[in-house]
Amino acid sequence: MTFADNLVRLRREKGFSQEQLADLMDVSRQAVSKWEAGAATYLKTQAEHSTRLSEISSVIRMV
């Protein structure tokens, strides 16, 4: 699974909209949309993807 696939899965499992997740992460909804589409990323390595996905997962689970 790609970062985008995992992000969509985690967001949907928790029942968040893209806008709700964006608010939690302090980014725009458009950024979340682009990440989920695989159209944009600011992460350069797979390790960074894994780390960020872990951070996102932690934020989602705390809510």
PDB file of N, CA and C in Angstrom:
ATOM      1  N   MET A   1       0.836  -1.192   0.000  1.00  0.00           N
ATOM      2  CA  MET A   1       0.000   0.000   0.000  1.00  0.00           C
ATOM      3  C   MET A   1       0.876   1.248   0.000  1.00  0.00           C
ATOM      4  N   THR A   2       0.412   2.231  -0.696  1.00  0.00           N
ATOM      5  CA  THR A   2       1.130   3.495  -0.756  1.00  0.00           C
ATOM      6  C   THR A   2       0.740   4.384   0.417  1.00  0.00           C
ATOM      7  N   PHE A   3       1.501   5.452   0.601  1.00  0.00           N
ATOM      8  CA  PHE A   3       1.162   6.446   1.614  1.00  0.00           C
ATOM      9  C   PHE A   3      -0.264   6.946   1.394  1.00  0.00           C
ATOM     10  N   ALA A   4      -0.611   7.246   0.143  1.00  0.00           N
ATOM     11  CA  ALA A   4      -1.943   7.760  -0.176  1.00  0.00           C
ATOM     12  C   ALA A   4      -3.022   6.754   0.218  1.00  0.00           C
ATOM     13  N   ASP A   5      -2.823   5.486  -0.116  1.00  0.00           N
ATOM     14  CA  ASP A   5      -3.799   4.446   0.226  1.00  0.00           C
ATOM     15  C   ASP A   5      -3.989   4.336   1.736  1.00  0.00           C
ATOM     16  N   ASN A   6      -2.874   4.356   2.456  1.00  0.00           N
ATOM     17  CA  ASN A   6      -2.943   4.246   3.913  1.00  0.00           C
ATOM     18  C   ASN A   6      -3.621   5.451   4.544  1.00  0.00           C
ATOM     19  N   LEU A   7      -3.338   6.631   4.008  1.00  0.00           N
ATOM     20  CA  LEU A   7      -3.958   7.837   4.536  1.00  0.00           C
ATOM     21  C   LEU A   7      -5.464   7.804   4.352  1.00  0.00           C
ATOM     22  N   VAL A   8      -5.912   7.418   3.177  1.00  0.00           N
ATOM     23  CA  VAL A   8      -7.354   7.320   2.910  1.00  0.00           C
ATOM     24  C   VAL A   8      -7.984   6.286   3.848  1.00  0.00           C
ATOM     25  N   ARG A   9      -7.346   5.131   3.986  1.00  0.00           N
ATOM     26  CA  ARG A   9      -7.887   4.073   4.832  1.00  0.00           C
ATOM     27  C   ARG A   9      -8.030   4.538   6.279  1.00  0.00           C
ATOM     28  N   LEU A  10      -6.978   5.131   6.817  1.00  0.00           N
ATOM     29  CA  LEU A  10      -7.020   5.590   8.207  1.00  0.00           C
ATOM     30  C   LEU A  10      -8.083   6.668   8.408  1.00  0.00           C
ATOM     31  N   ARG A  11      -8.157   7.599   7.483  1.00  0.00           N
ATOM     32  CA  ARG A  11      -9.146   8.681   7.603  1.00  0.00           C
ATOM     33  C   ARG A  11     -10.563   8.130   7.575  1.00  0.00           C
ATOM     34  N   ARG A  12     -10.811   7.221   6.664  1.00  0.00           N
ATOM     35  CA  ARG A  12     -12.161   6.651   6.544  1.00  0.00           C
ATOM     36  C   ARG A  12     -12.521   5.762   7.725  1.00  0.00           C
ATOM     37  N   GLU A  13     -11.545   5.009   8.233  1.00  0.00           N
ATOM     38  CA  GLU A  13     -11.806   4.159   9.397  1.00  0.00           C
ATOM     39  C   GLU A  13     -12.301   4.984  10.583  1.00  0.00           C
ATOM     40  N   LYS A  14     -11.758   6.162  10.739  1.00  0.00           N
ATOM     41  CA  LYS A  14     -12.144   7.036  11.847  1.00  0.00           C
ATOM     42  C   LYS A  14     -13.377   7.863  11.521  1.00  0.00           C
ATOM     43  N   GLY A  15     -13.752   7.899  10.252  1.00  0.00           N
ATOM     44  CA  GLY A  15     -14.948   8.637   9.853  1.00  0.00           C
ATOM     45  C   GLY A  15     -14.739  10.130   9.684  1.00  0.00           C
ATOM     46  N   PHE A  16     -13.484  10.527   9.435  1.00  0.00           N
ATOM     47  CA  PHE A  16     -13.186  11.935   9.242  1.00  0.00           C
ATOM     48  C   PHE A  16     -13.349  12.331   7.784  1.00  0.00           C
ATOM     49  N   SER A  17     -13.776  13.566   7.585  1.00  0.00           N
ATOM     50  CA  SER A  17     -13.724  14.148   6.244  1.00  0.00           C
ATOM     51  C   SER A  17     -12.298  14.643   6.012  1.00  0.00           C
ATOM     52  N   GLN A  18     -12.005  14.969   4.773  1.00  0.00           N
ATOM     53  CA  GLN A  18     -10.689  15.537   4.484  1.00  0.00           C
ATOM     54  C   GLN A  18     -10.502  16.843   5.250  1.00  0.00           C
ATOM     55  N   GLU A  19     -11.559  17.609   5.351  1.00  0.00           N
ATOM     56  CA  GLU A  19     -11.467  18.890   6.053  1.00  0.00           C
ATOM     57  C   GLU A  19     -11.196  18.696   7.543  1.00  0.00           C
ATOM     58  N   GLN A  20     -11.847  17.710   8.161  1.00  0.00           N
ATOM     59  CA  GLN A  20     -11.605  17.445   9.578  1.00  0.00           C
ATOM     60  C   GLN A  20     -10.167  17.010   9.823  1.00  0.00           C
ATOM     61  N   LEU A  21      -9.656  16.134   8.966  1.00  0.00           N
ATOM     62  CA  LEU A  21      -8.268  15.698   9.104  1.00  0.00           C
ATOM     63  C   LEU A  21      -7.315  16.866   8.884  1.00  0.00           C
ATOM     64  N   ALA A  22      -7.612  17.686   7.908  1.00  0.00           N
ATOM     65  CA  ALA A  22      -6.767  18.859   7.638  1.00  0.00           C
ATOM     66  C   ALA A  22      -6.716  19.775   8.855  1.00  0.00           C
ATOM     67  N   ASP A  23      -7.853  19.982   9.493  1.00  0.00           N
ATOM     68  CA  ASP A  23      -7.887  20.822  10.694  1.00  0.00           C
ATOM     69  C   ASP A  23      -7.022  20.228  11.802  1.00  0.00           C
ATOM     70  N   LEU A  24      -7.099  18.918  11.985  1.00  0.00           N
ATOM     71  CA  LEU A  24      -6.288  18.255  13.009  1.00  0.00           C
ATOM     72  C   LEU A  24      -4.798  18.391  12.728  1.00  0.00           C
ATOM     73  N   MET A  25      -4.450  18.392  11.449  1.00  0.00           N
ATOM     74  CA  MET A  25      -3.039  18.429  11.056  1.00  0.00           C
ATOM     75  C   MET A  25      -2.539  19.845  10.789  1.00  0.00           C
ATOM     76  N   ASP A  26      -3.452  20.812  10.858  1.00  0.00           N
ATOM     77  CA  ASP A  26      -3.112  22.209  10.606  1.00  0.00           C
ATOM     78  C   ASP A  26      -2.576  22.420   9.191  1.00  0.00           C
ATOM     79  N   VAL A  27      -3.281  21.810   8.235  1.00  0.00           N
ATOM     80  CA  VAL A  27      -2.992  21.994   6.815  1.00  0.00           C
ATOM     81  C   VAL A  27      -4.308  22.269   6.096  1.00  0.00           C
ATOM     82  N   SER A  28      -4.251  22.570   4.827  1.00  0.00           N
ATOM     83  CA  SER A  28      -5.482  22.819   4.066  1.00  0.00           C
ATOM     84  C   SER A  28      -6.132  21.501   3.646  1.00  0.00           C
ATOM     85  N   ARG A  29      -7.428  21.571   3.374  1.00  0.00           N
ATOM     86  CA  ARG A  29      -8.136  20.401   2.861  1.00  0.00           C
ATOM     87  C   ARG A  29      -7.567  20.004   1.509  1.00  0.00           C
ATOM     88  N   GLN A  30      -7.155  20.996   0.746  1.00  0.00           N
ATOM     89  CA  GLN A  30      -6.583  20.727  -0.564  1.00  0.00           C
ATOM     90  C   GLN A  30      -5.293  19.923  -0.442  1.00  0.00           C
ATOM     91  N   ALA A  31      -4.515  20.170   0.608  1.00  0.00           N
ATOM     92  CA  ALA A  31      -3.282  19.399   0.819  1.00  0.00           C
ATOM     93  C   ALA A  31      -3.620  17.940   1.074  1.00  0.00           C
ATOM     94  N   VAL A  32      -4.608  17.689   1.929  1.00  0.00           N
ATOM     95  CA  VAL A  32      -5.018  16.310   2.213  1.00  0.00           C
ATOM     96  C   VAL A  32      -5.506  15.641   0.938  1.00  0.00           C
ATOM     97  N   SER A  33      -6.300  16.361   0.158  1.00  0.00           N
ATOM     98  CA  SER A  33      -6.820  15.821  -1.093  1.00  0.00           C
ATOM     99  C   SER A  33      -5.684  15.432  -2.039  1.00  0.00           C
ATOM    100  N   LYS A  34      -4.690  16.291  -2.155  1.00  0.00           N
ATOM    101  CA  LYS A  34      -3.558  16.007  -3.044  1.00  0.00           C
ATOM    102  C   LYS A  34      -2.739  14.822  -2.537  1.00  0.00           C
ATOM    103  N   TRP A  35      -2.541  14.735  -1.216  1.00  0.00           N
ATOM    104  CA  TRP A  35      -1.807  13.588  -0.660  1.00  0.00           C
ATOM    105  C   TRP A  35      -2.545  12.295  -0.959  1.00  0.00           C
ATOM    106  N   GLU A  36      -3.879  12.320  -0.758  1.00  0.00           N
ATOM    107  CA  GLU A  36      -4.676  11.110  -0.991  1.00  0.00           C
ATOM    108  C   GLU A  36      -4.701  10.711  -2.456  1.00  0.00           C
ATOM    109  N   ALA A  37      -4.618  11.679  -3.336  1.00  0.00           N
ATOM    110  CA  ALA A  37      -4.607  11.401  -4.776  1.00  0.00           C
ATOM    111  C   ALA A  37      -3.216  11.000  -5.257  1.00  0.00           C
ATOM    112  N   GLY A  38      -2.238  11.160  -4.381  1.00  0.00           N
ATOM    113  CA  GLY A  38      -0.863  10.858  -4.766  1.00  0.00           C
ATOM    114  C   GLY A  38      -0.278  11.921  -5.680  1.00  0.00           C
ATOM    115  N   ALA A  39      -0.963  13.052  -5.753  1.00  0.00           N
ATOM    116  CA  ALA A  39      -0.536  14.116  -6.664  1.00  0.00           C
ATOM    117  C   ALA A  39       0.520  15.031  -6.063  1.00  0.00           C
ATOM    118  N   ALA A  40       0.630  15.011  -4.746  1.00  0.00           N
ATOM    119  CA  ALA A  40       1.600  15.894  -4.100  1.00  0.00           C
ATOM    120  C   ALA A  40       2.087  15.260  -2.813  1.00  0.00           C
ATOM    121  N   THR A  41       3.305  15.531  -2.525  1.00  0.00           N
ATOM    122  CA  THR A  41       3.873  15.107  -1.249  1.00  0.00           C
ATOM    123  C   THR A  41       5.059  15.990  -0.946  1.00  0.00           C
ATOM    124  N   TYR A  42       5.252  16.262   0.309  1.00  0.00           N
ATOM    125  CA  TYR A  42       6.436  17.016   0.687  1.00  0.00           C
ATOM    126  C   TYR A  42       7.470  16.102   1.313  1.00  0.00           C
ATOM    127  N   LEU A  43       7.186  14.822   1.302  1.00  0.00           N
ATOM    128  CA  LEU A  43       8.071  13.840   1.908  1.00  0.00           C
ATOM    129  C   LEU A  43       8.969  13.248   0.825  1.00  0.00           C
ATOM    130  N   LYS A  44      10.228  13.079   1.130  1.00  0.00           N
ATOM    131  CA  LYS A  44      11.182  12.663   0.110  1.00  0.00           C
ATOM    132  C   LYS A  44      11.557  11.186   0.159  1.00  0.00           C
ATOM    133  N   THR A  45      11.418  10.549   1.292  1.00  0.00           N
ATOM    134  CA  THR A  45      11.830   9.155   1.402  1.00  0.00           C
ATOM    135  C   THR A  45      10.711   8.302   1.985  1.00  0.00           C
ATOM    136  N   GLN A  46      10.816   7.011   1.785  1.00  0.00           N
ATOM    137  CA  GLN A  46       9.827   6.093   2.339  1.00  0.00           C
ATOM    138  C   GLN A  46       9.822   6.170   3.869  1.00  0.00           C
ATOM    139  N   ALA A  47      10.986   6.366   4.461  1.00  0.00           N
ATOM    140  CA  ALA A  47      11.060   6.491   5.917  1.00  0.00           C
ATOM    141  C   ALA A  47      10.256   7.697   6.390  1.00  0.00           C
ATOM    142  N   GLU A  48      10.346   8.802   5.653  1.00  0.00           N
ATOM    143  CA  GLU A  48       9.560   9.979   6.010  1.00  0.00           C
ATOM    144  C   GLU A  48       8.067   9.705   5.853  1.00  0.00           C
ATOM    145  N   HIS A  49       7.687   8.968   4.813  1.00  0.00           N
ATOM    146  CA  HIS A  49       6.287   8.592   4.623  1.00  0.00           C
ATOM    147  C   HIS A  49       5.801   7.776   5.814  1.00  0.00           C
ATOM    148  N   SER A  50       6.584   6.796   6.213  1.00  0.00           N
ATOM    149  CA  SER A  50       6.202   5.926   7.329  1.00  0.00           C
ATOM    150  C   SER A  50       6.082   6.712   8.622  1.00  0.00           C
ATOM    151  N   THR A  51       7.021   7.608   8.854  1.00  0.00           N
ATOM    152  CA  THR A  51       6.993   8.425  10.063  1.00  0.00           C
ATOM    153  C   THR A  51       5.771   9.323  10.080  1.00  0.00           C
ATOM    154  N   ARG A  52       5.507   9.987   8.972  1.00  0.00           N
ATOM    155  CA  ARG A  52       4.356  10.900   8.907  1.00  0.00           C
ATOM    156  C   ARG A  52       3.047  10.128   9.038  1.00  0.00           C
ATOM    157  N   LEU A  53       2.947   8.976   8.399  1.00  0.00           N
ATOM    158  CA  LEU A  53       1.739   8.175   8.502  1.00  0.00           C
ATOM    159  C   LEU A  53       1.513   7.748   9.950  1.00  0.00           C
ATOM    160  N   SER A  54       2.578   7.410  10.646  1.00  0.00           N
ATOM    161  CA  SER A  54       2.477   7.053  12.056  1.00  0.00           C
ATOM    162  C   SER A  54       1.970   8.233  12.874  1.00  0.00           C
ATOM    163  N   GLU A  55       2.482   9.419  12.600  1.00  0.00           N
ATOM    164  CA  GLU A  55       2.035  10.621  13.300  1.00  0.00           C
ATOM    165  C   GLU A  55       0.557  10.883  13.032  1.00  0.00           C
ATOM    166  N   ILE A  56       0.148  10.761  11.779  1.00  0.00           N
ATOM    167  CA  ILE A  56      -1.247  10.980  11.407  1.00  0.00           C
ATOM    168  C   ILE A  56      -2.135   9.962  12.101  1.00  0.00           C
ATOM    169  N   SER A  57      -1.703   8.716  12.092  1.00  0.00           N
ATOM    170  CA  SER A  57      -2.458   7.645  12.735  1.00  0.00           C
ATOM    171  C   SER A  57      -2.653   7.949  14.229  1.00  0.00           C
ATOM    172  N   SER A  58      -1.601   8.427  14.872  1.00  0.00           N
ATOM    173  CA  SER A  58      -1.679   8.753  16.299  1.00  0.00           C
ATOM    174  C   SER A  58      -2.676   9.885  16.542  1.00  0.00           C
ATOM    175  N   VAL A  59      -2.646  10.907  15.694  1.00  0.00           N
ATOM    176  CA  VAL A  59      -3.576  12.027  15.835  1.00  0.00           C
ATOM    177  C   VAL A  59      -4.996  11.530  15.653  1.00  0.00           C
ATOM    178  N   ILE A  60      -5.237  10.707  14.646  1.00  0.00           N
ATOM    179  CA  ILE A  60      -6.582  10.208  14.367  1.00  0.00           C
ATOM    180  C   ILE A  60      -7.093   9.363  15.523  1.00  0.00           C
ATOM    181  N   ARG A  61      -6.253   8.522  16.082  1.00  0.00           N
ATOM    182  CA  ARG A  61      -6.690   7.626  17.153  1.00  0.00           C
ATOM    183  C   ARG A  61      -6.942   8.359  18.463  1.00  0.00           C
ATOM    184  N   MET A  62      -6.305   9.498  18.669  1.00  0.00           N
ATOM    185  CA  MET A  62      -6.497  10.252  19.904  1.00  0.00           C
ATOM    186  C   MET A  62      -7.849  10.945  19.942  1.00  0.00           C
ATOM    187  N   VAL A  63      -8.431  11.193  18.798  1.00  0.00           N
ATOM    188  CA  VAL A  63      -9.688  11.935  18.726  1.00  0.00           C
ATOM    189  C   VAL A  63     -10.858  11.025  18.996  1.00  0.00           C
TER     190      VAL A  63
END
